[in-house]
C-alpha atoms as a PDB file:
ATOM      1  CA  MET A   1      -0.694  -0.062   0.060  1.00  0.00           C
ATOM      2  CA  ARG A   2       1.303   3.378  -0.855  1.00  0.00           C
ATOM      3  CA  VAL A   3       1.591   5.935   1.463  1.00  0.00           C
ATOM      4  CA  PRO A   4      -0.298   9.092   0.351  1.00  0.00           C
ATOM      5  CA  ARG A   5       1.446  12.025  -0.248  1.00  0.00           C
ATOM      6  CA  LEU A   6      -0.035  14.124   2.831  1.00  0.00           C
ATOM      7  CA  ALA A   7       1.139  17.465   3.814  1.00  0.00           C
ATOM      8  CA  LEU A   8       1.970  17.809   7.340  1.00  0.00           C
ATOM      9  CA  THR A   9      -0.707  18.661   9.697  1.00  0.00           C
ATOM     10  CA  VAL A  10      -1.026  21.623  11.157  1.00  0.00           C
ATOM     11  CA  ALA A  11      -0.970  20.360  14.747  1.00  0.00           C
ATOM     12  CA  ALA A  12       2.149  18.378  13.378  1.00  0.00           C
ATOM     13  CA  ALA A  13       3.690  21.366  12.159  1.00  0.00           C
ATOM     14  CA  LEU A  14       2.870  23.572  15.241  1.00  0.00           C
ATOM     15  CA  ALA A  15       4.737  20.675  17.282  1.00  0.00           C
ATOM     16  CA  LEU A  16       7.691  19.492  14.996  1.00  0.00           C
ATOM     17  CA  GLY A  17       7.808  23.552  14.437  1.00  0.00           C
ATOM     18  CA  ALA A  18       9.207  23.209  18.678  1.00  0.00           C
ATOM     19  CA  SER A  19      10.070  27.105  19.897  1.00  0.00           C
ATOM     20  CA  GLY A  20       7.695  28.939  17.002  1.00  0.00           C
ATOM     21  CA  ALA A  21       9.061  32.019  16.389  1.00  0.00           C
ATOM     22  CA  ALA A  22      11.453  32.010  18.695  1.00  0.00           C
ATOM     23  CA  ALA A  23      13.278  29.287  17.188  1.00  0.00           C
ATOM     24  CA  ALA A  24      13.230  30.656  14.024  1.00  0.00           C
ATOM     25  CA  ASP A  25      15.784  33.431  15.443  1.00  0.00           C
ATOM     26  CA  LYS A  26      18.048  31.403  17.612  1.00  0.00           C
ATOM     27  CA  PRO A  27      17.765  27.294  17.120  1.00  0.00           C
ATOM     28  CA  ASN A  28      16.422  25.435  20.446  1.00  0.00           C
ATOM     29  CA  PRO A  29      17.406  21.628  20.673  1.00  0.00           C
ATOM     30  CA  ALA A  30      15.965  20.925  23.714  1.00  0.00           C
ATOM     31  CA  ALA A  31      12.657  22.655  22.706  1.00  0.00           C
ATOM     32  CA  ASP A  32      13.078  20.710  19.561  1.00  0.00           C
ATOM     33  CA  ALA A  33      13.434  17.497  21.353  1.00  0.00           C
ATOM     34  CA  LYS A  34      10.452  18.137  23.217  1.00  0.00           C
ATOM     35  CA  ALA A  35       8.100  18.795  20.937  1.00  0.00           C
ATOM     36  CA  PHE A  36       9.239  15.792  18.367  1.00  0.00           C
ATOM     37  CA  GLN A  37       9.320  13.253  21.693  1.00  0.00           C
ATOM     38  CA  ASP A  38       5.056  14.809  22.363  1.00  0.00           C
ATOM     39  CA  TYR A  39       3.825  14.570  19.190  1.00  0.00           C
ATOM     40  CA  PHE A  40       5.143  10.803  19.092  1.00  0.00           C
ATOM     41  CA  VAL A  41       3.463  10.129  22.637  1.00  0.00           C
ATOM     42  CA  LYS A  42       0.426  12.150  21.859  1.00  0.00           C
ATOM     43  CA  LYS A  43      -0.358  10.379  18.684  1.00  0.00           C
ATOM     44  CA  PHE A  44       0.639   6.569  20.276  1.00  0.00           C
ATOM     45  CA  PRO A  45      -0.495   7.030  23.638  1.00  0.00           C
ATOM     46  CA  LYS A  46      -0.654   2.985  24.185  1.00  0.00           C
ATOM     47  CA  VAL A  47       3.325   2.745  23.104  1.00  0.00           C
ATOM     48  CA  ALA A  48       5.194   3.080  26.169  1.00  0.00           C
ATOM     49  CA  PHE A  49       8.168   5.741  26.016  1.00  0.00           C
ATOM     50  CA  ASP A  50      10.761   3.318  25.905  1.00  0.00           C
ATOM     51  CA  ASP A  51       9.239   1.037  23.417  1.00  0.00           C
ATOM     52  CA  PHE A  52       9.409   3.768  20.698  1.00  0.00           C
ATOM     53  CA  VAL A  53      13.429   2.269  20.046  1.00  0.00           C
ATOM     54  CA  ASN A  54      11.278  -1.422  19.269  1.00  0.00           C
ATOM     55  CA  GLY A  55      10.292   0.266  16.040  1.00  0.00           C
ATOM     56  CA  PRO A  56       7.124  -1.519  14.285  1.00  0.00           C
ATOM     57  CA  TYR A  57       6.718  -4.281  16.923  1.00  0.00           C
ATOM     58  CA  SER A  58       5.831  -1.141  19.242  1.00  0.00           C
ATOM     59  CA  MET A  59       2.790  -0.697  17.385  1.00  0.00           C
ATOM     60  CA  ASN A  60       1.586  -4.282  15.656  1.00  0.00           C
ATOM     61  CA  ALA A  61       1.052  -7.273  18.049  1.00  0.00           C
ATOM     62  CA  ASP A  62       1.197  -9.879  15.418  1.00  0.00           C
ATOM     63  CA  MET A  63       4.810  -8.612  14.306  1.00  0.00           C
ATOM     64  CA  ARG A  64       6.259  -8.347  17.812  1.00  0.00           C
ATOM     65  CA  LYS A  65       4.953 -11.508  18.709  1.00  0.00           C
ATOM     66  CA  GLN A  66       6.808 -13.111  15.798  1.00  0.00           C
ATOM     67  CA  TRP A  67       9.758 -10.936  16.255  1.00  0.00           C
ATOM     68  CA  GLU A  68       9.624 -12.049  20.526  1.00  0.00           C
ATOM     69  CA  GLU A  69       9.778 -15.036  19.223  1.00  0.00           C
ATOM     70  CA  LYS A  70      12.969 -14.511  16.693  1.00  0.00           C
ATOM     71  CA  GLU A  71      14.738 -12.985  19.495  1.00  0.00           C
ATOM     72  CA  GLN A  72      15.286 -16.247  21.421  1.00  0.00           C
ATOM     73  CA  PHE A  73      17.854 -17.023  18.561  1.00  0.00           C
ATOM     74  CA  PRO A  74      18.642 -13.679  17.049  1.00  0.00           C
ATOM     75  CA  PRO A  75      19.584 -13.300  13.905  1.00  0.00           C
ATOM     76  CA  TYR A  76      21.784 -10.794  14.656  1.00  0.00           C
ATOM     77  CA  GLU A  77      24.113 -13.135  16.995  1.00  0.00           C
ATOM     78  CA  PHE A  78      26.411 -14.144  14.119  1.00  0.00           C
ATOM     79  CA  ALA A  79      27.419 -10.227  14.077  1.00  0.00           C
ATOM     80  CA  LEU A  80      27.876  -9.769  17.755  1.00  0.00           C
ATOM     81  CA  ASP A  81      30.324 -12.926  17.895  1.00  0.00           C
ATOM     82  CA  ALA A  82      32.212 -11.287  14.757  1.00  0.00           C
ATOM     83  CA  GLY A  83      31.875  -7.944  16.185  1.00  0.00           C
ATOM     84  CA  LYS A  84      33.572  -8.677  19.633  1.00  0.00           C
ATOM     85  CA  GLU A  85      36.322 -10.839  18.197  1.00  0.00           C
ATOM     86  CA  MET A  86      37.026  -7.673  15.515  1.00  0.00           C
ATOM     87  CA  PHE A  87      37.149  -5.259  18.598  1.00  0.00           C
ATOM     88  CA  ALA A  88      39.351  -7.522  20.445  1.00  0.00           C
ATOM     89  CA  LYS A  89      42.187  -8.298  18.299  1.00  0.00           C
ATOM     90  CA  PRO A  90      44.818  -5.744  17.624  1.00  0.00           C
ATOM     91  CA  PHE A  91      46.174  -3.617  14.658  1.00  0.00           C
ATOM     92  CA  LYS A  92      49.417  -4.507  12.927  1.00  0.00           C
ATOM     93  CA  ASN A  93      50.641  -1.905  15.621  1.00  0.00           C
ATOM     94  CA  GLY A  94      49.486  -4.025  18.411  1.00  0.00           C
ATOM     95  CA  LYS A  95      47.029  -1.265  19.249  1.00  0.00           C
ATOM     96  CA  THR A  96      43.073  -2.071  19.148  1.00  0.00           C
ATOM     97  CA  TYR A  97      40.047  -0.114  19.126  1.00  0.00           C
ATOM     98  CA  ALA A  98      40.105   0.110  23.127  1.00  0.00           C
ATOM     99  CA  ASP A  99      42.929   2.967  22.472  1.00  0.00           C
ATOM    100  CA  CYS A 100      40.863   4.682  20.288  1.00  0.00           C
ATOM    101  CA  PHE A 101      37.674   5.772  22.631  1.00  0.00           C
ATOM    102  CA  PRO A 102      37.321   6.669  25.833  1.00  0.00           C
ATOM    103  CA  ASN A 103      36.243   3.801  28.519  1.00  0.00           C
ATOM    104  CA  GLY A 104      38.424   1.333  26.388  1.00  0.00           C
ATOM    105  CA  GLY A 105      34.918   2.026  23.431  1.00  0.00           C
ATOM    106  CA  ILE A 106      32.480  -0.240  26.191  1.00  0.00           C
ATOM    107  CA  GLY A 107      28.843   1.097  26.868  1.00  0.00           C
ATOM    108  CA  ILE A 108      30.137   4.371  24.924  1.00  0.00           C
ATOM    109  CA  ARG A 109      27.595   4.011  21.643  1.00  0.00           C
ATOM    110  CA  GLN A 110      24.882   6.385  23.608  1.00  0.00           C
ATOM    111  CA  ASN A 111      27.137   9.175  23.116  1.00  0.00           C
ATOM    112  CA  TYR A 112      27.453   9.010  19.453  1.00  0.00           C
ATOM    113  CA  PRO A 113      27.670  11.095  17.192  1.00  0.00           C
ATOM    114  CA  THR A 114      29.212  13.611  18.992  1.00  0.00           C
ATOM    115  CA  PHE A 115      30.478  17.212  17.887  1.00  0.00           C
ATOM    116  CA  ASP A 116      34.564  18.118  17.967  1.00  0.00           C
ATOM    117  CA  ASP A 117      34.407  21.364  18.306  1.00  0.00           C
ATOM    118  CA  LYS A 118      38.474  21.239  17.022  1.00  0.00           C
ATOM    119  CA  GLU A 119      36.788  20.036  13.629  1.00  0.00           C
ATOM    120  CA  GLY A 120      33.747  21.530  13.761  1.00  0.00           C
ATOM    121  CA  LYS A 121      32.060  19.186  12.542  1.00  0.00           C
ATOM    122  CA  VAL A 122      29.730  16.114  13.492  1.00  0.00           C
ATOM    123  CA  ILE A 123      31.600  12.759  14.352  1.00  0.00           C
ATOM    124  CA  THR A 124      29.324   9.168  14.292  1.00  0.00           C
ATOM    125  CA  LEU A 125      30.614   5.925  15.690  1.00  0.00           C
ATOM    126  CA  GLU A 126      31.567   4.676  12.243  1.00  0.00           C
ATOM    127  CA  LEU A 127      33.277   7.699  11.286  1.00  0.00           C
ATOM    128  CA  ALA A 128      35.402   7.585  14.181  1.00  0.00           C
ATOM    129  CA  LEU A 129      35.931   3.485  13.734  1.00  0.00           C
ATOM    130  CA  ASN A 130      37.111   4.273  10.790  1.00  0.00           C
ATOM    131  CA  ARG A 131      39.368   7.211  11.666  1.00  0.00           C
ATOM    132  CA  CYS A 132      40.955   5.087  14.862  1.00  0.00           C
ATOM    133  CA  ARG A 133      41.924   2.187  11.531  1.00  0.00           C
ATOM    134  CA  GLU A 134      43.203   4.544   9.746  1.00  0.00           C
ATOM    135  CA  ALA A 135      45.674   6.240  12.262  1.00  0.00           C
ATOM    136  CA  ASN A 136      46.904   3.028  13.329  1.00  0.00           C
ATOM    137  CA  GLY A 137      48.157   1.832  10.139  1.00  0.00           C
ATOM    138  CA  GLU A 138      44.904  -0.240   8.954  1.00  0.00           C
ATOM    139  CA  GLN A 139      42.491   0.301   5.516  1.00  0.00           C
ATOM    140  CA  PRO A 140      38.861   1.916   6.486  1.00  0.00           C
ATOM    141  CA  TYR A 141      35.790  -0.247   6.198  1.00  0.00           C
ATOM    142  CA  SER A 142      33.181   0.229   4.260  1.00  0.00           C
ATOM    143  CA  TYR A 143      30.521   1.962   5.778  1.00  0.00           C
ATOM    144  CA  VAL A 144      27.600  -0.158   4.521  1.00  0.00           C
ATOM    145  CA  LYS A 145      29.045  -3.200   4.729  1.00  0.00           C
ATOM    146  CA  ASP A 146      29.650  -6.173   7.219  1.00  0.00           C
ATOM    147  CA  GLU A 147      32.828  -5.565   9.104  1.00  0.00           C
ATOM    148  CA  MET A 148      31.239  -1.617  10.153  1.00  0.00           C
ATOM    149  CA  ALA A 149      27.947  -3.569  11.002  1.00  0.00           C
ATOM    150  CA  SER A 150      29.607  -5.625  13.320  1.00  0.00           C
ATOM    151  CA  LEU A 151      31.788  -3.652  14.830  1.00  0.00           C
ATOM    152  CA  THR A 152      28.814  -1.346  15.582  1.00  0.00           C
ATOM    153  CA  ALA A 153      26.865  -3.957  16.502  1.00  0.00           C
ATOM    154  CA  TYR A 154      28.850  -5.310  19.389  1.00  0.00           C
ATOM    155  CA  MET A 155      29.330  -1.560  20.527  1.00  0.00           C
ATOM    156  CA  ALA A 156      25.792  -0.964  20.696  1.00  0.00           C
ATOM    157  CA  TYR A 157      25.340  -4.218  22.360  1.00  0.00           C
ATOM    158  CA  THR A 158      27.760  -3.281  25.203  1.00  0.00           C
ATOM    159  CA  SER A 159      25.583  -0.254  25.831  1.00  0.00           C
ATOM    160  CA  ARG A 160      21.888  -1.950  25.800  1.00  0.00           C
ATOM    161  CA  GLY A 161      19.678  -0.300  28.342  1.00  0.00           C
ATOM    162  CA  LYS A 162      22.011   2.848  28.561  1.00  0.00           C
ATOM    163  CA  ARG A 163      19.876   5.807  27.346  1.00  0.00           C
ATOM    164  CA  PHE A 164      20.509   8.440  24.705  1.00  0.00           C
ATOM    165  CA  ASP A 165      22.994  11.288  25.820  1.00  0.00           C
ATOM    166  CA  ILE A 166      23.665  13.188  22.837  1.00  0.00           C
ATOM    167  CA  LYS A 167      25.255  16.745  23.539  1.00  0.00           C
ATOM    168  CA  ILE A 168      24.697  19.977  21.777  1.00  0.00           C
ATOM    169  CA  PRO A 169      27.944  22.099  22.804  1.00  0.00           C
ATOM    170  CA  ASP A 170      27.083  26.040  23.011  1.00  0.00           C
ATOM    171  CA  ASP A 171      29.019  26.546  19.598  1.00  0.00           C
ATOM    172  CA  PRO A 172      27.101  28.000  16.913  1.00  0.00           C
ATOM    173  CA  ARG A 173      28.650  25.616  14.397  1.00  0.00           C
ATOM    174  CA  ALA A 174      26.842  22.734  16.794  1.00  0.00           C
ATOM    175  CA  LEU A 175      23.540  24.311  16.371  1.00  0.00           C
ATOM    176  CA  GLU A 176      24.500  24.505  12.768  1.00  0.00           C
ATOM    177  CA  ALA A 177      24.829  20.818  12.427  1.00  0.00           C
ATOM    178  CA  PHE A 178      21.741  20.298  14.088  1.00  0.00           C
ATOM    179  CA  GLU A 179      19.945  22.428  11.996  1.00  0.00           C
ATOM    180  CA  LYS A 180      20.996  21.147   8.934  1.00  0.00           C
ATOM    181  CA  GLY A 181      20.097  18.072  10.172  1.00  0.00           C
ATOM    182  CA  LYS A 182      16.438  18.809  11.099  1.00  0.00           C
ATOM    183  CA  GLU A 183      16.163  20.771   7.394  1.00  0.00           C
ATOM    184  CA  TYR A 184      17.074  17.627   5.842  1.00  0.00           C
ATOM    185  CA  PHE A 185      15.024  15.199   7.605  1.00  0.00           C
ATOM    186  CA  TYR A 186      11.898  17.385   6.362  1.00  0.00           C
ATOM    187  CA  THR A 187      13.237  18.276   3.039  1.00  0.00           C
ATOM    188  CA  ARG A 188      11.026  16.471   0.201  1.00  0.00           C
ATOM    189  CA  ARG A 189      13.566  14.797  -2.089  1.00  0.00           C
ATOM    190  CA  GLY A 190      13.530  12.387  -5.190  1.00  0.00           C
ATOM    191  CA  GLN A 191      10.804  11.646  -7.981  1.00  0.00           C
ATOM    192  CA  LEU A 192       8.076  10.363  -5.102  1.00  0.00           C
ATOM    193  CA  ASN A 193       8.957  13.896  -3.641  1.00  0.00           C
ATOM    194  CA  PHE A 194       9.003  12.627  -0.312  1.00  0.00           C
ATOM    195  CA  SER A 195      10.907  13.555   2.906  1.00  0.00           C
ATOM    196  CA  CYS A 196      12.279  10.999   5.488  1.00  0.00           C
ATOM    197  CA  ALA A 197       9.076  12.749   7.589  1.00  0.00           C
ATOM    198  CA  SER A 198       6.389  11.412   5.227  1.00  0.00           C
ATOM    199  CA  CYS A 199       7.052   7.986   6.435  1.00  0.00           C
ATOM    200  CA  HIS A 200       8.783   8.177   9.693  1.00  0.00           C
ATOM    201  CA  VAL A 201       6.891  11.504  10.975  1.00  0.00           C
ATOM    202  CA  GLN A 202       3.398  11.231   9.243  1.00  0.00           C
ATOM    203  CA  SER A 203       3.181   7.871   8.533  1.00  0.00           C
ATOM    204  CA  PRO A 204       4.281   5.393  11.429  1.00  0.00           C
ATOM    205  CA  GLY A 205       2.586   1.928  11.963  1.00  0.00           C
ATOM    206  CA  GLU A 206       0.617   2.312   8.375  1.00  0.00           C
ATOM    207  CA  ARG A 207       2.239  -0.221   6.043  1.00  0.00           C
ATOM    208  CA  ILE A 208       4.310   0.878   2.482  1.00  0.00           C
ATOM    209  CA  ARG A 209       4.120  -2.392   0.423  1.00  0.00           C
ATOM    210  CA  ALA A 210       5.011  -4.902   3.222  1.00  0.00           C
ATOM    211  CA  GLU A 211       6.838  -3.215   5.392  1.00  0.00           C
ATOM    212  CA  ILE A 212       5.486  -1.101   8.189  1.00  0.00           C
ATOM    213  CA  LEU A 213       7.107   1.969   8.817  1.00  0.00           C
ATOM    214  CA  ALA A 214       8.486   2.659  11.821  1.00  0.00           C
ATOM    215  CA  PRO A 215       8.668   6.359  14.122  1.00  0.00           C
ATOM    216  CA  ALA A 216      11.529   8.445  13.735  1.00  0.00           C
ATOM    217  CA  LEU A 217      11.638   8.594  17.629  1.00  0.00           C
ATOM    218  CA  GLY A 218      13.557   5.483  19.069  1.00  0.00           C
ATOM    219  CA  ILE A 219      14.778   4.839  15.048  1.00  0.00           C
ATOM    220  CA  LEU A 220      18.372   5.044  15.674  1.00  0.00           C
ATOM    221  CA  ASN A 221      18.226   3.632  19.010  1.00  0.00           C
ATOM    222  CA  ALA A 222      17.728  -0.086  17.510  1.00  0.00           C
ATOM    223  CA  MET A 223      21.150   0.790  14.900  1.00  0.00           C
ATOM    224  CA  PRO A 224      22.658  -1.402  13.726  1.00  0.00           C
ATOM    225  CA  ILE A 225      20.464  -3.755  12.289  1.00  0.00           C
ATOM    226  CA  TYR A 226      19.435  -6.918  10.402  1.00  0.00           C
ATOM    227  CA  ARG A 227      17.077  -7.154   8.186  1.00  0.00           C
ATOM    228  CA  SER A 228      15.703  -9.436   6.497  1.00  0.00           C
ATOM    229  CA  GLU A 229      14.981  -7.715   3.218  1.00  0.00           C
ATOM    230  CA  TRP A 230      18.894  -7.634   2.990  1.00  0.00           C
ATOM    231  CA  SER A 231      19.689 -10.644   4.325  1.00  0.00           C
ATOM    232  CA  GLY A 232      22.047  -9.371   6.652  1.00  0.00           C
ATOM    233  CA  MET A 233      23.039  -6.836   8.688  1.00  0.00           C
ATOM    234  CA  GLY A 234      22.920  -2.947   7.610  1.00  0.00           C
ATOM    235  CA  THR A 235      24.879   0.286   9.139  1.00  0.00           C
ATOM    236  CA  ILE A 236      23.054   3.446   9.974  1.00  0.00           C
ATOM    237  CA  SER A 237      24.889   4.706   6.562  1.00  0.00           C
ATOM    238  CA  ARG A 238      23.285   1.659   4.527  1.00  0.00           C
ATOM    239  CA  ARG A 239      19.520   2.859   6.583  1.00  0.00           C
ATOM    240  CA  PHE A 240      20.789   6.120   5.059  1.00  0.00           C
ATOM    241  CA  VAL A 241      21.329   5.840   1.327  1.00  0.00           C
ATOM    242  CA  THR A 242      18.512   2.921   1.239  1.00  0.00           C
ATOM    243  CA  CYS A 243      15.813   5.432   2.408  1.00  0.00           C
ATOM    244  CA  ASN A 244      17.006   7.861  -0.289  1.00  0.00           C
ATOM    245  CA  SER A 245      17.296   5.062  -2.958  1.00  0.00           C
ATOM    246  CA  GLN A 246      13.333   3.788  -2.127  1.00  0.00           C
ATOM    247  CA  THR A 247      12.363   7.496  -2.323  1.00  0.00           C
ATOM    248  CA  ARG A 248      14.372   7.546  -5.894  1.00  0.00           C
ATOM    249  CA  ALA A 249      16.176  10.325  -4.634  1.00  0.00           C
ATOM    250  CA  VAL A 250      20.186  10.387  -5.629  1.00  0.00           C
ATOM    251  CA  PRO A 251      21.418   9.019  -2.160  1.00  0.00           C
ATOM    252  CA  LEU A 252      24.990  10.802  -1.257  1.00  0.00           C
ATOM    253  CA  GLU A 253      28.271  10.182  -0.304  1.00  0.00           C
ATOM    254  CA  PRO A 254      28.166   7.679   3.240  1.00  0.00           C
ATOM    255  CA  GLN A 255      29.547   9.968   6.449  1.00  0.00           C
ATOM    256  CA  SER A 256      28.973  12.894   4.335  1.00  0.00           C
ATOM    257  CA  ASP A 257      28.204  16.261   5.957  1.00  0.00           C
ATOM    258  CA  GLU A 258      24.598  15.747   5.061  1.00  0.00           C
ATOM    259  CA  TYR A 259      23.904  12.416   6.714  1.00  0.00           C
ATOM    260  CA  ARG A 260      26.232  13.261   9.785  1.00  0.00           C
ATOM    261  CA  ASN A 261      24.098  16.345  10.329  1.00  0.00           C
ATOM    262  CA  LEU A 262      20.997  14.209   9.853  1.00  0.00           C
ATOM    263  CA  GLU A 263      22.373  11.422  12.402  1.00  0.00           C
ATOM    264  CA  TYR A 264      22.766  14.262  14.577  1.00  0.00           C
ATOM    265  CA  TYR A 265      19.277  15.714  14.630  1.00  0.00           C
ATOM    266  CA  LEU A 266      17.718  11.977  15.047  1.00  0.00           C
ATOM    267  CA  SER A 267      19.563  11.067  17.755  1.00  0.00           C
ATOM    268  CA  TYR A 268      19.380  14.397  19.978  1.00  0.00           C
ATOM    269  CA  VAL A 269      15.607  14.632  19.716  1.00  0.00           C
ATOM    270  CA  SER A 270      15.761  10.412  20.723  1.00  0.00           C
ATOM    271  CA  ASN A 271      17.731  11.595  23.802  1.00  0.00           C
ATOM    272  CA  GLY A 272      16.483   9.649  27.356  1.00  0.00           C
ATOM    273  CA  LEU A 273      15.444   6.203  25.149  1.00  0.00           C
ATOM    274  CA  PRO A 274      17.727   3.267  25.385  1.00  0.00           C
ATOM    275  CA  VAL A 275      19.887   1.852  22.965  1.00  0.00           C
ATOM    276  CA  SER A 276      18.376  -1.191  21.865  1.00  0.00           C
ATOM    277  CA  GLY A 277      20.398  -2.520  19.044  1.00  0.00           C
ATOM    278  CA  PRO A 278      21.530  -4.467  17.467  1.00  0.00           C
ATOM    279  CA  GLY A 279      17.879  -4.788  16.234  1.00  0.00           C
ATOM    280  CA  ALA A 280      16.304  -6.706  13.455  1.00  0.00           C
ATOM    281  CA  ARG A 281      13.361  -5.739  11.514  1.00  0.00           C
ATOM    282  CA  PRO A 282      11.836  -7.308   8.385  1.00  0.00           C
END
């Protein structure tokens, strides 16, 4: 079933406009996040707040039952095992990923993406992992293939239950990155003229073909994910590229500034929700 091209409702537009006229003058991420979360809580009053991280399973009883049965033998388990082994394996110079991250890289997923004040840009976990590899003389991994998905799956698993705590420092460059991510999220593009919000704000819980659309709230908390559609694991980068392709838009390069800003925005407005990754989706 095709999702109708509806304009944002007046109520949603008001809610997602967050701080109203004041926001037009000065970005207010905290007000935006509150309005974003309030919108979904009001739209789906029967869904417990923490359950939004479970995407379509929070909205469809039959799918939830099947998912809970699959979780007895989760399809992402192979990636977890591979990621744990990869994470511990020393580079050629003897160092490991643990040398690149606070707390040895364990239990830190909830803090990514972060804003680097020296570089003035958003740093995602995927980007940080590849920079760690390159700094230690290793070739970077593809942002959409199995190795990166396995590494981030393991790191997400060590953070399960920890709540997203994305920081936006009082830095105009960080605020600009957040605003640009927000703009990307709500901008229509591609031959289908869809925005990210068309599916994940207007239509969560509805079907598009055989897929039940997930709410934007908490959508990144479950990443990376195993998708039956992919017959394997996928990263956040892969998800963004796929979404653009599905709306017949030209995908950007993984880890482009636009995608990193989008991840920054989507992660910040899900602050307070627990990490549930790695996840599984149809």
